[in-house]
Amino acid sequence: MADQSGEHVHWADDGRGQREVFLDGERIDCVTYCDTKVGIAVVAEMPLRCTDGKHIDYRPVWGEINVVPLEGV
């Protein structure tokens, strides 16, 4: 996650609107960050968990990442 610029980097509040994220062809939810060039996404555990009592638990997943913008949203 060194190169944080470019069209291949997406995060929850980057101002580019809502998008669907696919990992190896399967849609994934609760993505907070992804890099399509590197092939990594950071997702919240479902159901949402908080092991330290303060922060939601996230985990990285790797594979072929595709991001599709949702039109009209």
C-alpha atoms as a PDB file:
ATOM      1  CA  MET A   1       0.000   0.000   0.000  1.00  0.00           C
ATOM      2  CA  ALA A   2       2.912   2.314  -0.656  1.00  0.00           C
ATOM      3  CA  ASP A   3       1.507   4.156  -3.708  1.00  0.00           C
ATOM      4  CA  GLN A   4      -1.654   5.821  -2.379  1.00  0.00           C
ATOM      5  CA  SER A   5      -2.377   7.774  -5.576  1.00  0.00           C
ATOM      6  CA  GLY A   6      -3.841   6.850  -8.928  1.00  0.00           C
ATOM      7  CA  GLU A   7      -7.012   5.416 -10.340  1.00  0.00           C
ATOM      8  CA  HIS A   8      -6.184   1.939  -9.037  1.00  0.00           C
ATOM      9  CA  VAL A   9      -6.507   2.983  -5.367  1.00  0.00           C
ATOM     10  CA  HIS A  10      -9.979   3.227  -3.817  1.00  0.00           C
ATOM     11  CA  TRP A  11     -11.097   3.972  -0.255  1.00  0.00           C
ATOM     12  CA  ALA A  12     -14.408   4.607   1.452  1.00  0.00           C
ATOM     13  CA  ASP A  13     -14.265   8.432   1.440  1.00  0.00           C
ATOM     14  CA  ASP A  14     -12.273   9.258  -1.711  1.00  0.00           C
ATOM     15  CA  GLY A  15     -15.097  11.266  -3.312  1.00  0.00           C
ATOM     16  CA  ARG A  16     -15.628   8.989  -6.323  1.00  0.00           C
ATOM     17  CA  GLY A  17     -19.067   7.752  -5.256  1.00  0.00           C
ATOM     18  CA  GLN A  18     -20.367   4.308  -4.470  1.00  0.00           C
ATOM     19  CA  ARG A  19     -18.794   1.296  -6.096  1.00  0.00           C
ATOM     20  CA  GLU A  20     -19.054  -2.464  -5.979  1.00  0.00           C
ATOM     21  CA  VAL A  21     -15.857  -4.400  -5.323  1.00  0.00           C
ATOM     22  CA  PHE A  22     -15.233  -7.889  -6.659  1.00  0.00           C
ATOM     23  CA  LEU A  23     -12.575 -10.299  -5.414  1.00  0.00           C
ATOM     24  CA  ASP A  24     -11.824 -13.071  -7.913  1.00  0.00           C
ATOM     25  CA  GLY A  25     -15.230 -12.460  -9.506  1.00  0.00           C
ATOM     26  CA  GLU A  26     -17.209 -12.583  -6.231  1.00  0.00           C
ATOM     27  CA  ARG A  27     -18.771  -9.402  -4.812  1.00  0.00           C
ATOM     28  CA  ILE A  28     -17.442  -8.424  -1.371  1.00  0.00           C
ATOM     29  CA  ASP A  29     -19.002  -6.031   1.156  1.00  0.00           C
ATOM     30  CA  CYS A  30     -17.663  -3.649   3.814  1.00  0.00           C
ATOM     31  CA  VAL A  31     -14.532  -2.702   1.856  1.00  0.00           C
ATOM     32  CA  THR A  32     -12.708   0.287   3.327  1.00  0.00           C
ATOM     33  CA  TYR A  33      -9.661   0.286   1.017  1.00  0.00           C
ATOM     34  CA  CYS A  34      -8.543  -1.549  -2.081  1.00  0.00           C
ATOM     35  CA  ASP A  35      -5.756  -1.382  -4.622  1.00  0.00           C
ATOM     36  CA  THR A  36      -6.578  -3.061  -7.929  1.00  0.00           C
ATOM     37  CA  LYS A  37      -2.963  -2.891  -9.118  1.00  0.00           C
ATOM     38  CA  VAL A  38      -1.577  -4.729  -6.074  1.00  0.00           C
ATOM     39  CA  GLY A  39      -4.633  -6.955  -5.636  1.00  0.00           C
ATOM     40  CA  ILE A  40      -5.474  -6.212  -2.004  1.00  0.00           C
ATOM     41  CA  ALA A  41      -8.630  -5.114  -0.225  1.00  0.00           C
ATOM     42  CA  VAL A  42      -9.250  -4.336   3.441  1.00  0.00           C
ATOM     43  CA  VAL A  43     -12.661  -5.525   4.608  1.00  0.00           C
ATOM     44  CA  ALA A  44     -14.593  -5.511   7.873  1.00  0.00           C
ATOM     45  CA  GLU A  45     -15.312  -8.881   9.456  1.00  0.00           C
ATOM     46  CA  MET A  46     -18.938  -9.922   9.012  1.00  0.00           C
ATOM     47  CA  PRO A  47     -20.821  -9.953  11.237  1.00  0.00           C
ATOM     48  CA  LEU A  48     -19.117  -6.832  12.545  1.00  0.00           C
ATOM     49  CA  ARG A  49     -16.815  -7.627  15.442  1.00  0.00           C
ATOM     50  CA  CYS A  50     -14.912  -5.500  17.901  1.00  0.00           C
ATOM     51  CA  THR A  51     -12.353  -7.519  19.842  1.00  0.00           C
ATOM     52  CA  ASP A  52     -10.787  -4.566  21.687  1.00  0.00           C
ATOM     53  CA  GLY A  53     -14.089  -2.896  22.602  1.00  0.00           C
ATOM     54  CA  LYS A  54     -13.306   0.259  20.585  1.00  0.00           C
ATOM     55  CA  HIS A  55     -12.518  -0.512  16.938  1.00  0.00           C
ATOM     56  CA  ILE A  56     -14.166  -2.662  14.277  1.00  0.00           C
ATOM     57  CA  ASP A  57     -12.013  -5.618  13.199  1.00  0.00           C
ATOM     58  CA  TYR A  58     -10.687  -5.486   9.623  1.00  0.00           C
ATOM     59  CA  ARG A  59      -8.669  -7.983   7.635  1.00  0.00           C
ATOM     60  CA  PRO A  60      -6.823  -7.902   4.319  1.00  0.00           C
ATOM     61  CA  VAL A  61      -7.805 -10.145   1.415  1.00  0.00           C
ATOM     62  CA  TRP A  62      -5.751 -10.739  -1.723  1.00  0.00           C
ATOM     63  CA  GLY A  63      -6.656 -11.681  -5.273  1.00  0.00           C
ATOM     64  CA  GLU A  64      -7.892 -10.122  -8.493  1.00  0.00           C
ATOM     65  CA  ILE A  65      -9.718  -6.937  -7.445  1.00  0.00           C
ATOM     66  CA  ASN A  66     -12.212  -5.232  -9.781  1.00  0.00           C
ATOM     67  CA  VAL A  67     -14.089  -2.034  -8.904  1.00  0.00           C
ATOM     68  CA  VAL A  68     -17.320  -1.122 -10.695  1.00  0.00           C
ATOM     69  CA  PRO A  69     -18.909   2.316 -10.175  1.00  0.00           C
ATOM     70  CA  LEU A  70     -22.641   2.309  -9.428  1.00  0.00           C
ATOM     71  CA  GLU A  71     -24.374   4.532 -12.006  1.00  0.00           C
ATOM     72  CA  GLY A  72     -27.097   6.935 -10.922  1.00  0.00           C
ATOM     73  CA  VAL A  73     -26.306   6.768  -7.194  1.00  0.00           C
END
